[in-house]
């Protein structure tokens, strides 16, 4: 069993790896090392500087509405005070003590609200379920249904008490709500995190606690697991990096997001690497009206047609206020793309990330995603069509067979190989608290989450979140028409 005397190696310095390392160190583990091929100590997780993990992103949704998935609702709320504490702690830290990418003025969490838009004039069953479970937890006072007079009155009182929240302005930013075509609710406890900044901060905290980071395209890049198979059961004894160096460990934690299935082949049928589609609209400097309208002061995080985890193909849109440099990120998860390739070690076919920075590069999105996004933006935010799309990105996650994380020992290796993955597109918000429960799983201390995240397999013939479809799902990039930059513009730019 893993104990504070164990030597722990973590492959992956994203949200799962960082949170695990931080909580191990705070529980007294003295020999924790994190490996990653990215020089995060220099590029600060900046996606504009070659960082292509899901954690290396400009922003991520922080929300607590999870339908009947009470465990994730509880976990999200447990992390909220820590996000706010991190904001304060960062502000108190002298600039000279901070790593690249951070200043005392940096905010990690922006509680600008989260507006969940319905698919029609009434709330969906999933929306209603969210509200019911939040009410059971005594959290319903954070939620305000747009077409509920009592809720809107409460929201008005909140804004009177704190005029800078501008809740009414944030709701009125959506034309479909003004016209009554849609309902929805705004969650005043929610908002977004600056993901790249939060990772840089978490790595900073880890280093202060004594965690060692081995970073870079040679010294930190994973090459192979070191496996001793001379006994009755195989045992992982460490890892080898691309520079040929061997790093011994009592337990190796694989927390590589979309790269996990290519390292731990045993996750086949449990995890699959998939991509969501993201576009960026960069606001012109000479449009102060747009800068004001889409600022975090006046505009919330939002989701449209994102009902639970199983959205219709056209649904599954979400978006953010603009970043400090004027970028508006809008995403689409109604269809999640795969990229099946032959694994050179096993000869098996599996999905692997394909980004702007991999050897086989992804320079655009499937045309289907672009068209869906343009349709939605044209209807919801027509003033942005005159600006046009300025960039695209495929954000590679690891989907699990049921959208719950997989955090457990890998069978067949004793207690020497451990997986912390399966973020399924909703893991980042848990950065401050996730590692506490990963450590419990490592130490085999049961808690609220260890049964939820244990190693598991899908029942034969059962729905498994699309993993059962495999390469012939119609989602594989090789079978899809890809967009060109000419597809980024709207036909009528004058709208």
Protein backbone atom coordinates (compact mmCIF):
# COMPACT_ATOMS: atom_id res chain seq x y z
CA UNK A 1 0.00 0.00 0.00
CA UNK A 2 1.18 3.53 -0.76
CA UNK A 3 2.33 5.42 2.33
CA UNK A 4 4.18 8.71 2.99
CA UNK A 5 7.42 6.68 2.84
CA UNK A 6 6.67 5.64 -0.76
CA UNK A 7 8.49 7.11 -3.72
CA UNK A 8 5.84 8.39 -6.14
CA UNK A 9 6.34 9.31 -9.79
CA UNK A 10 3.52 11.16 -11.56
CA UNK A 11 3.40 11.28 -15.35
CA UNK A 12 1.57 14.43 -16.39
CA UNK A 13 1.59 17.95 -14.95
CA UNK A 14 -2.02 18.85 -15.75
CA UNK A 15 -4.92 19.23 -13.35
CA UNK A 16 -4.96 15.56 -12.19
CA UNK A 17 -1.20 15.34 -11.77
CA UNK A 18 -0.81 18.72 -10.07
CA UNK A 19 -3.65 18.19 -7.61
CA UNK A 20 -2.37 14.72 -6.74
CA UNK A 21 1.18 15.97 -6.19
CA UNK A 22 0.04 18.89 -4.03
CA UNK A 23 -2.07 16.74 -1.73
CA UNK A 24 0.58 14.03 -1.48
CA UNK A 25 3.13 16.62 -0.39
CA UNK A 26 0.74 18.20 2.10
CA UNK A 27 0.09 14.78 3.61
CA UNK A 28 3.76 14.26 4.31
CA UNK A 29 5.07 12.49 1.20
CA UNK A 30 8.69 13.54 0.80
CA UNK A 31 9.59 11.91 -2.52
CA UNK A 32 7.14 13.02 -5.20
CA UNK A 33 8.28 13.77 -8.75
CA UNK A 34 6.16 14.99 -11.67
CA UNK A 35 7.24 14.36 -15.25
CA UNK A 36 6.03 16.18 -18.35
CA UNK A 37 7.44 16.84 -21.81
CA UNK A 38 6.30 20.47 -21.67
CA UNK A 39 8.71 23.01 -20.11
CA UNK A 40 5.91 24.46 -18.00
CA UNK A 41 8.44 26.26 -15.82
CA UNK A 42 9.19 28.43 -18.86
CA UNK A 43 5.98 28.56 -20.93
CA UNK A 44 3.59 28.81 -17.95
CA UNK A 45 1.02 26.47 -19.55
CA UNK A 46 0.35 29.08 -22.23
CA UNK A 47 -1.54 27.45 -25.15
CA UNK A 48 -0.03 30.06 -27.47
CA UNK A 49 3.45 28.71 -26.69
CA UNK A 50 3.00 25.09 -27.70
CA UNK A 51 1.00 23.78 -24.73
CA UNK A 52 -1.72 21.43 -26.01
CA UNK A 53 -3.07 19.54 -23.01
CA UNK A 54 -6.67 20.07 -21.93
CA UNK A 55 -5.39 21.77 -18.78
CA UNK A 56 -3.32 24.22 -20.84
CA UNK A 57 -6.20 26.44 -21.82
CA UNK A 58 -7.21 30.04 -21.34
CA UNK A 59 -10.33 29.27 -19.30
CA UNK A 60 -12.57 26.53 -17.94
CA UNK A 61 -16.11 26.54 -16.57
CA UNK A 62 -16.58 26.45 -12.81
CA UNK A 63 -20.11 25.22 -12.05
CA UNK A 64 -21.81 23.23 -9.34
CA UNK A 65 -25.03 22.18 -11.12
CA UNK A 66 -24.70 18.46 -11.86
CA UNK A 67 -28.23 17.06 -12.03
CA UNK A 68 -28.48 13.94 -9.86
CA UNK A 69 -24.69 13.52 -9.72
CA UNK A 70 -24.58 14.73 -6.15
CA UNK A 71 -20.98 13.67 -5.61
CA UNK A 72 -19.68 16.07 -8.26
CA UNK A 73 -21.98 18.83 -6.99
CA UNK A 74 -20.49 18.36 -3.51
CA UNK A 75 -16.93 18.21 -4.83
CA UNK A 76 -17.35 21.42 -6.84
CA UNK A 77 -18.72 23.36 -3.87
CA UNK A 78 -15.96 22.03 -1.61
CA UNK A 79 -13.39 23.60 -3.91
CA UNK A 80 -15.00 27.03 -4.23
CA UNK A 81 -13.62 28.55 -0.97
CA UNK A 82 -10.15 27.40 -1.96
CA UNK A 83 -10.39 29.07 -5.38
CA UNK A 84 -11.23 32.32 -3.58
CA UNK A 85 -8.39 31.77 -1.09
CA UNK A 86 -6.00 31.25 -4.00
CA UNK A 87 -7.09 34.57 -5.50
CA UNK A 88 -6.27 36.29 -2.21
CA UNK A 89 -3.00 34.40 -1.68
CA UNK A 90 -1.79 35.25 -5.17
CA UNK A 91 -2.60 38.92 -4.64
CA UNK A 92 -0.48 38.89 -1.45
CA UNK A 93 2.55 37.24 -3.06
CA UNK A 94 5.33 39.60 -4.19
CA UNK A 95 5.80 39.67 -7.94
CA UNK A 96 9.46 38.73 -7.52
CA UNK A 97 8.47 35.44 -5.86
CA UNK A 98 6.05 34.34 -8.58
CA UNK A 99 6.87 32.08 -11.54
CA UNK A 100 6.49 33.15 -15.20
CA UNK A 101 2.90 33.86 -16.22
CA UNK A 102 1.70 35.11 -12.83
CA UNK A 103 1.53 38.53 -11.18
CA UNK A 104 -0.18 39.68 -7.97
CA UNK A 105 -2.92 41.14 -10.20
CA UNK A 106 -3.72 37.73 -11.72
CA UNK A 107 -7.12 36.24 -10.90
CA UNK A 108 -7.54 32.46 -10.99
CA UNK A 109 -11.29 32.29 -10.37
CA UNK A 110 -13.86 34.75 -11.72
CA UNK A 111 -17.31 34.31 -10.08
CA UNK A 112 -19.14 36.06 -12.93
CA UNK A 113 -22.03 33.56 -12.89
CA UNK A 114 -23.02 30.64 -15.10
CA UNK A 115 -26.15 30.85 -17.23
CA UNK A 116 -27.59 27.49 -18.23
CA UNK A 117 -29.88 28.12 -21.21
CA UNK A 118 -32.71 25.70 -21.89
CA UNK A 119 -33.43 24.17 -25.30
CA UNK A 120 -36.87 25.78 -25.40
CA UNK A 121 -39.33 28.06 -23.59
CA UNK A 122 -39.35 25.86 -20.47
CA UNK A 123 -36.66 24.25 -18.35
CA UNK A 124 -35.56 20.78 -19.39
CA UNK A 125 -35.86 17.76 -17.12
CA UNK A 126 -32.12 17.98 -16.52
CA UNK A 127 -32.37 21.65 -15.51
CA UNK A 128 -35.16 20.78 -13.09
CA UNK A 129 -33.08 17.94 -11.69
CA UNK A 130 -30.15 20.30 -11.13
CA UNK A 131 -32.36 22.64 -9.14
CA UNK A 132 -33.91 19.83 -7.09
CA UNK A 133 -30.54 18.43 -5.99
CA UNK A 134 -29.16 21.87 -5.25
CA UNK A 135 -32.20 22.58 -3.11
CA UNK A 136 -31.70 19.32 -1.22
CA UNK A 137 -28.16 20.46 -0.46
CA UNK A 138 -29.37 23.87 0.76
CA UNK A 139 -27.82 25.61 -2.25
CA UNK A 140 -30.88 26.66 -4.20
CA UNK A 141 -30.41 30.32 -3.15
CA UNK A 142 -27.56 30.56 -5.66
CA UNK A 143 -29.86 29.64 -8.58
CA UNK A 144 -32.29 32.01 -10.30
CA UNK A 145 -34.72 30.80 -12.96
CA UNK A 146 -35.24 33.45 -15.63
CA UNK A 147 -39.02 33.04 -15.93
CA UNK A 148 -39.60 32.66 -12.20
CA UNK A 149 -40.72 35.99 -10.72
CA UNK A 150 -39.65 35.07 -7.21
CA UNK A 151 -36.19 34.05 -8.34
CA UNK A 152 -35.77 37.25 -10.33
CA UNK A 153 -36.83 39.28 -7.30
CA UNK A 154 -34.15 37.56 -5.22
CA UNK A 155 -31.61 38.30 -7.94
CA UNK A 156 -32.64 41.94 -7.96
CA UNK A 157 -32.02 42.12 -4.21
CA UNK A 158 -28.60 40.55 -4.65
CA UNK A 159 -27.69 43.15 -7.24
CA UNK A 160 -28.90 45.98 -4.99
CA UNK A 161 -26.64 44.66 -2.24
CA UNK A 162 -23.69 44.43 -4.63
CA UNK A 163 -24.28 46.56 -7.76
CA UNK A 164 -20.98 45.48 -9.33
CA UNK A 165 -22.42 41.99 -9.95
CA UNK A 166 -24.71 43.36 -12.71
CA UNK A 167 -26.77 40.18 -12.83
CA UNK A 168 -29.58 41.75 -14.86
CA UNK A 169 -27.11 43.01 -17.46
CA UNK A 170 -25.63 39.53 -17.78
CA UNK A 171 -29.03 37.98 -18.42
CA UNK A 172 -30.05 40.69 -20.87
CA UNK A 173 -26.94 39.97 -22.95
CA UNK A 174 -28.76 37.00 -24.49
CA UNK A 175 -31.22 37.94 -27.19
CA UNK A 176 -33.11 34.64 -27.00
CA UNK A 177 -33.91 35.31 -23.34
CA UNK A 178 -35.10 38.82 -24.05
CA UNK A 179 -37.44 37.48 -26.72
CA UNK A 180 -38.75 34.73 -24.43
CA UNK A 181 -37.70 31.93 -26.79
CA UNK A 182 -35.68 30.22 -24.08
CA UNK A 183 -35.74 29.82 -20.33
CA UNK A 184 -32.79 29.01 -18.12
CA UNK A 185 -31.22 29.74 -14.78
CA UNK A 186 -28.21 31.70 -13.67
CA UNK A 187 -25.97 30.32 -10.94
CA UNK A 188 -24.43 33.20 -9.01
CA UNK A 189 -21.93 30.92 -7.25
CA UNK A 190 -20.34 29.88 -10.54
CA UNK A 191 -18.09 31.41 -13.18
CA UNK A 192 -14.80 30.39 -14.74
CA UNK A 193 -11.15 29.75 -13.95
CA UNK A 194 -8.15 30.97 -15.89
CA UNK A 195 -6.83 27.48 -16.51
CA UNK A 196 -3.26 28.14 -17.61
CA UNK A 197 -2.77 30.59 -14.73
CA UNK A 198 -4.29 28.16 -12.23
CA UNK A 199 -1.94 25.39 -13.34
CA UNK A 200 1.07 27.70 -13.01
CA UNK A 201 -0.10 28.59 -9.49
CA UNK A 202 -0.68 24.96 -8.50
CA UNK A 203 2.79 24.02 -9.76
CA UNK A 204 4.19 26.92 -7.71
CA UNK A 205 2.41 25.61 -4.61
CA UNK A 206 3.71 22.10 -5.28
CA UNK A 207 7.29 23.31 -5.50
CA UNK A 208 6.89 25.20 -2.22
CA UNK A 209 5.81 21.88 -0.65
CA UNK A 210 8.89 20.08 -1.99
CA UNK A 211 7.51 18.38 -5.11
CA UNK A 212 10.16 17.85 -7.78
CA UNK A 213 9.32 18.63 -11.40
CA UNK A 214 11.18 17.05 -14.31
CA UNK A 215 10.10 19.05 -17.33
CA UNK A 216 11.15 19.28 -20.96
CA UNK A 217 10.95 17.47 -24.30
CA UNK A 218 13.81 15.11 -23.43
CA UNK A 219 14.31 14.98 -19.67
CA UNK A 220 10.60 15.02 -18.81
CA UNK A 221 9.05 13.17 -21.73
CA UNK A 222 7.77 9.68 -20.93
CA UNK A 223 9.28 6.88 -23.01
CA UNK A 224 8.50 3.58 -21.25
CA UNK A 225 7.36 2.05 -18.01
CA UNK A 226 9.96 -0.02 -16.21
CA UNK A 227 8.29 -3.37 -15.57
CA UNK A 228 9.60 -6.29 -13.54
CA UNK A 229 7.76 -9.43 -14.66
CA UNK A 230 10.06 -12.02 -13.13
CA UNK A 231 7.78 -12.77 -10.17
CA UNK A 232 4.27 -14.12 -9.96
CA UNK A 233 2.85 -10.71 -10.76
CA UNK A 234 4.18 -7.88 -12.85
CA UNK A 235 5.37 -4.81 -11.01
CA UNK A 236 6.15 -1.33 -12.31
CA UNK A 237 9.42 -0.11 -10.83
CA UNK A 238 9.54 3.33 -12.43
CA UNK A 239 9.75 4.97 -15.83
CA UNK A 240 12.23 5.81 -18.53
CA UNK A 241 12.30 9.29 -20.08
CA UNK A 242 13.18 10.23 -23.64
CA UNK A 243 16.76 11.03 -22.68
CA UNK A 244 17.23 7.37 -21.70
CA UNK A 245 17.37 8.02 -17.97
CA UNK A 246 15.57 5.60 -15.65
CA UNK A 247 13.61 6.97 -12.71
CA UNK A 248 12.77 4.41 -10.03
CA UNK A 249 9.56 4.63 -8.02
CA UNK A 250 7.40 2.53 -5.71
CA UNK A 251 4.26 3.62 -7.56
CA UNK A 252 3.78 5.35 -10.89
CA UNK A 253 0.67 7.52 -11.30
CA UNK A 254 -0.38 8.04 -14.92
CA UNK A 255 -2.26 11.34 -15.14
CA UNK A 256 -1.80 12.21 -18.79
CA UNK A 257 -5.29 13.18 -19.90
CA UNK A 258 -5.67 12.38 -23.58
CA UNK A 259 -2.33 10.58 -23.66
CA UNK A 260 -3.26 8.11 -20.89
CA UNK A 261 -4.63 5.31 -23.14
CA UNK A 262 -1.40 5.19 -25.12
CA UNK A 263 0.62 4.67 -21.91
CA UNK A 264 -1.69 2.29 -20.04
CA UNK A 265 -3.19 0.03 -22.71
CA UNK A 266 -5.28 -1.77 -20.09
CA UNK A 267 -7.73 1.17 -20.12
CA UNK A 268 -9.09 0.05 -23.50
CA UNK A 269 -12.88 0.01 -23.21
CA UNK A 270 -12.74 2.18 -20.09
CA UNK A 271 -11.18 5.38 -21.44
CA UNK A 272 -11.11 6.93 -24.92
CA UNK A 273 -9.34 10.05 -26.10
CA UNK A 274 -11.81 12.52 -27.63
CA UNK A 275 -11.76 16.13 -28.73
CA UNK A 276 -14.17 19.00 -28.28
CA UNK A 277 -14.25 21.85 -30.79
CA UNK A 278 -13.29 25.38 -29.79
CA UNK A 279 -13.35 28.62 -31.74
CA UNK A 280 -11.95 32.01 -30.75
CA UNK A 281 -13.34 35.39 -31.73
CA UNK A 282 -10.79 38.14 -31.06
CA UNK A 283 -12.44 41.48 -30.47
CA UNK A 284 -11.12 44.43 -32.50
CA UNK A 285 -9.44 47.13 -30.46
CA UNK A 286 -11.68 49.76 -32.05
CA UNK A 287 -14.92 48.16 -30.81
CA UNK A 288 -15.30 49.32 -27.20
CA UNK A 289 -18.97 48.39 -27.40
CA UNK A 290 -18.08 44.71 -27.85
CA UNK A 291 -15.33 44.86 -25.23
CA UNK A 292 -17.87 46.18 -22.73
CA UNK A 293 -20.70 43.84 -23.69
CA UNK A 294 -18.63 40.65 -23.44
CA UNK A 295 -16.51 41.59 -20.41
CA UNK A 296 -16.69 39.43 -17.26
CA UNK A 297 -18.31 42.43 -15.54
CA UNK A 298 -21.27 42.33 -17.93
CA UNK A 299 -21.36 38.80 -19.34
CA UNK A 300 -21.53 35.34 -17.72
CA UNK A 301 -20.24 31.91 -18.61
CA UNK A 302 -23.05 30.13 -20.47
CA UNK A 303 -24.14 26.77 -21.85
CA UNK A 304 -26.81 26.06 -24.43
CA UNK A 305 -28.20 22.63 -25.23
CA UNK A 306 -25.71 21.09 -22.82
CA UNK A 307 -28.24 18.97 -20.96
CA UNK A 308 -26.35 16.55 -18.78
CA UNK A 309 -23.65 14.63 -20.60
CA UNK A 310 -25.67 13.24 -23.50
CA UNK A 311 -26.47 16.08 -25.86
CA UNK A 312 -28.15 15.94 -29.25
CA UNK A 313 -25.65 16.46 -32.05
CA UNK A 314 -26.53 20.11 -32.56
CA UNK A 315 -26.53 20.83 -28.82
CA UNK A 316 -23.65 21.09 -26.42
CA UNK A 317 -22.47 24.70 -26.82
CA UNK A 318 -20.76 26.79 -24.17
CA UNK A 319 -18.83 30.02 -23.96
CA UNK A 320 -17.07 32.64 -21.86
CA UNK A 321 -16.62 36.37 -21.42
CA UNK A 322 -13.59 37.77 -23.20
CA UNK A 323 -10.10 37.33 -21.76
CA UNK A 324 -8.00 40.38 -20.81
CA UNK A 325 -6.61 40.43 -24.36
CA UNK A 326 -10.07 40.32 -25.93
CA UNK A 327 -10.47 36.67 -26.91
CA UNK A 328 -13.90 35.08 -26.67
CA UNK A 329 -13.80 31.28 -26.46
CA UNK A 330 -16.86 29.31 -27.62
CA UNK A 331 -16.97 25.52 -27.56
CA UNK A 332 -19.00 22.65 -29.00
CA UNK A 333 -19.27 19.18 -27.44
CA UNK A 334 -22.38 17.82 -29.16
CA UNK A 335 -20.04 15.48 -31.05
CA UNK A 336 -16.69 14.44 -29.66
CA UNK A 337 -14.06 13.61 -32.26
CA UNK A 338 -11.56 10.75 -32.18
CA UNK A 339 -8.24 10.20 -33.94
CA UNK A 340 -7.53 6.51 -34.32
CA UNK A 341 -3.94 5.48 -35.02
CA UNK A 342 -1.93 2.27 -34.72
CA UNK A 343 -0.01 2.10 -31.46
CA UNK A 344 3.63 1.37 -32.41
CA UNK A 345 4.19 -0.70 -29.25
CA UNK A 346 1.09 -2.90 -29.29
CA UNK A 347 -0.13 -2.71 -32.89
CA UNK A 348 -3.62 -1.89 -31.61
CA UNK A 349 -5.78 0.92 -32.93
CA UNK A 350 -6.55 3.65 -30.41
CA UNK A 351 -7.48 7.32 -30.39
CA UNK A 352 -4.64 9.77 -29.63
CA UNK A 353 -4.50 13.57 -29.50
CA UNK A 354 -3.92 15.49 -32.72
CA UNK A 355 -3.10 19.12 -32.03
CA UNK A 356 -1.34 22.06 -33.65
CA UNK A 357 1.85 20.86 -32.01
CA UNK A 358 1.83 17.08 -32.52
CA UNK A 359 3.85 15.53 -35.36
CA UNK A 360 0.62 14.88 -37.28
CA UNK A 361 -0.90 18.34 -36.92
CA UNK A 362 -4.51 19.44 -36.59
CA UNK A 363 -4.84 22.86 -38.17
CA UNK A 364 -8.62 23.19 -38.17
CA UNK A 365 -11.92 21.66 -37.00
CA UNK A 366 -14.35 19.35 -38.78
CA UNK A 367 -16.58 21.42 -41.04
CA UNK A 368 -19.60 20.06 -39.19
CA UNK A 369 -18.41 21.67 -35.95
CA UNK A 370 -17.68 24.99 -37.64
CA UNK A 371 -21.11 25.07 -39.27
CA UNK A 372 -22.91 24.26 -36.01
CA UNK A 373 -20.94 26.92 -34.15
CA UNK A 374 -21.59 29.54 -36.83
CA UNK A 375 -25.31 28.80 -36.75
CA UNK A 376 -25.46 29.12 -32.97
CA UNK A 377 -23.34 32.29 -32.82
CA UNK A 378 -25.31 33.89 -35.65
CA UNK A 379 -28.54 33.33 -33.74
CA UNK A 380 -27.34 34.15 -30.23
CA UNK A 381 -24.63 36.79 -30.80
CA UNK A 382 -25.09 38.20 -34.34
CA UNK A 383 -22.80 41.15 -33.62
CA UNK A 384 -19.84 38.73 -33.57
CA UNK A 385 -20.43 37.51 -37.13
CA UNK A 386 -18.91 40.72 -38.46
CA UNK A 387 -15.71 39.94 -36.58
CA UNK A 388 -15.51 36.31 -37.65
CA UNK A 389 -13.62 33.36 -36.22
CA UNK A 390 -9.97 34.14 -35.62
CA UNK A 391 -8.66 30.78 -34.36
CA UNK A 392 -9.71 27.19 -33.72
CA UNK A 393 -8.56 24.44 -31.39
CA UNK A 394 -9.40 20.82 -30.69
CA UNK A 395 -9.37 20.29 -26.94
CA UNK A 396 -8.44 16.66 -26.21
CA UNK A 397 -9.98 15.05 -23.14
CA UNK A 398 -10.17 11.45 -21.99
CA UNK A 399 -13.77 10.28 -21.82
CA UNK A 400 -14.63 7.44 -19.48
CA UNK A 401 -17.32 4.87 -20.18
CA UNK A 402 -19.72 6.72 -17.85
CA UNK A 403 -18.21 10.25 -17.57
CA UNK A 404 -16.94 9.60 -14.05
CA UNK A 405 -13.22 9.69 -13.42
CA UNK A 406 -11.04 6.57 -13.30
CA UNK A 407 -8.80 6.85 -10.24
CA UNK A 408 -7.51 3.48 -9.12
CA UNK A 409 -4.74 0.92 -9.34
CA UNK A 410 -4.40 -0.89 -12.66
CA UNK A 411 -5.15 -4.59 -12.20
CA UNK A 412 -2.26 -6.97 -12.74
CA UNK A 413 0.55 -4.80 -11.35
CA UNK A 414 0.07 -5.22 -7.62
CA UNK A 415 -0.08 -1.72 -6.20
CA UNK A 416 2.62 -0.24 -8.41
CA UNK A 417 0.69 1.30 -11.34
CA UNK A 418 -2.12 3.79 -10.81
CA UNK A 419 -4.34 5.77 -13.18
CA UNK A 420 -5.82 9.21 -12.47
CA UNK A 421 -7.67 10.14 -15.62
CA UNK A 422 -11.05 10.16 -17.36
CA UNK A 423 -11.72 13.87 -16.88
CA UNK A 424 -14.49 13.59 -19.51
CA UNK A 425 -14.50 17.33 -20.12
CA UNK A 426 -15.45 18.41 -16.60
CA UNK A 427 -12.44 17.86 -14.35
CA UNK A 428 -10.64 21.19 -14.17
CA UNK A 429 -12.87 22.91 -11.60
CA UNK A 430 -11.78 20.33 -9.02
CA UNK A 431 -8.09 21.29 -9.11
CA UNK A 432 -7.94 22.47 -5.46
CA UNK A 433 -9.59 19.36 -3.98
CA UNK A 434 -9.33 16.43 -6.39
CA UNK A 435 -5.93 15.32 -5.14
CA UNK A 436 -7.22 14.76 -1.61
CA UNK A 437 -9.41 11.95 -2.91
CA UNK A 438 -6.73 10.62 -5.27
CA UNK A 439 -4.47 10.21 -2.22
CA UNK A 440 -7.26 8.34 -0.44
CA UNK A 441 -7.51 5.96 -3.40
CA UNK A 442 -3.73 5.50 -3.41
CA UNK A 443 -3.77 4.70 0.29
CA UNK A 444 -6.95 2.63 -0.10
CA UNK A 445 -8.85 4.77 2.37
CA UNK A 446 -12.54 4.69 1.35
CA UNK A 447 -14.37 8.00 0.98
CA UNK A 448 -17.40 9.38 -0.86
CA UNK A 449 -15.61 9.18 -4.22
CA UNK A 450 -13.49 6.04 -4.22
CA UNK A 451 -16.43 3.76 -5.18
CA UNK A 452 -17.42 6.17 -7.95
CA UNK A 453 -13.93 6.27 -9.47
CA UNK A 454 -12.85 2.64 -9.04
CA UNK A 455 -11.60 0.51 -11.93
CA UNK A 456 -14.59 -0.84 -13.85
CA UNK A 457 -15.66 -2.26 -17.21
CA UNK A 458 -18.82 -1.81 -19.26
CA UNK A 459 -21.39 -4.58 -19.31
CA UNK A 460 -21.47 -6.45 -22.58
CA UNK A 461 -23.67 -4.64 -25.10
CA UNK A 462 -24.35 -1.72 -22.75
CA UNK A 463 -24.10 1.95 -23.70
CA UNK A 464 -20.65 3.16 -22.70
CA UNK A 465 -20.65 6.88 -23.51
CA UNK A 466 -19.78 6.16 -27.13
CA UNK A 467 -16.68 4.10 -26.31
CA UNK A 468 -18.49 1.02 -27.57
CA UNK A 469 -18.61 2.59 -31.07
CA UNK A 470 -14.87 2.44 -31.60
CA UNK A 471 -13.16 3.61 -34.76
CA UNK A 472 -16.25 3.25 -36.96
CA UNK A 473 -18.35 5.69 -34.96
CA UNK A 474 -18.42 8.37 -37.62
CA UNK A 475 -16.44 10.63 -35.27
CA UNK A 476 -12.95 9.64 -36.42
CA UNK A 477 -11.10 12.59 -37.96
CA UNK A 478 -9.87 10.49 -40.87
CA UNK A 479 -13.45 10.07 -42.08
CA UNK A 480 -14.50 13.71 -41.67
CA UNK A 481 -14.34 16.74 -43.93
CA UNK A 482 -12.14 19.35 -42.29
CA UNK A 483 -12.78 23.09 -42.45
CA UNK A 484 -10.60 25.65 -44.19
CA UNK A 485 -9.96 29.18 -42.95
CA UNK A 486 -12.36 30.40 -45.61
CA UNK A 487 -15.10 28.57 -43.68
CA UNK A 488 -14.51 30.76 -40.64
CA UNK A 489 -16.30 33.80 -42.04
CA UNK A 490 -20.04 34.29 -42.19
CA UNK A 491 -21.56 34.76 -45.65
CA UNK A 492 -23.10 38.06 -44.57
CA UNK A 493 -20.40 39.85 -42.58
CA UNK A 494 -22.57 42.92 -42.28
CA UNK A 495 -25.03 41.37 -39.79
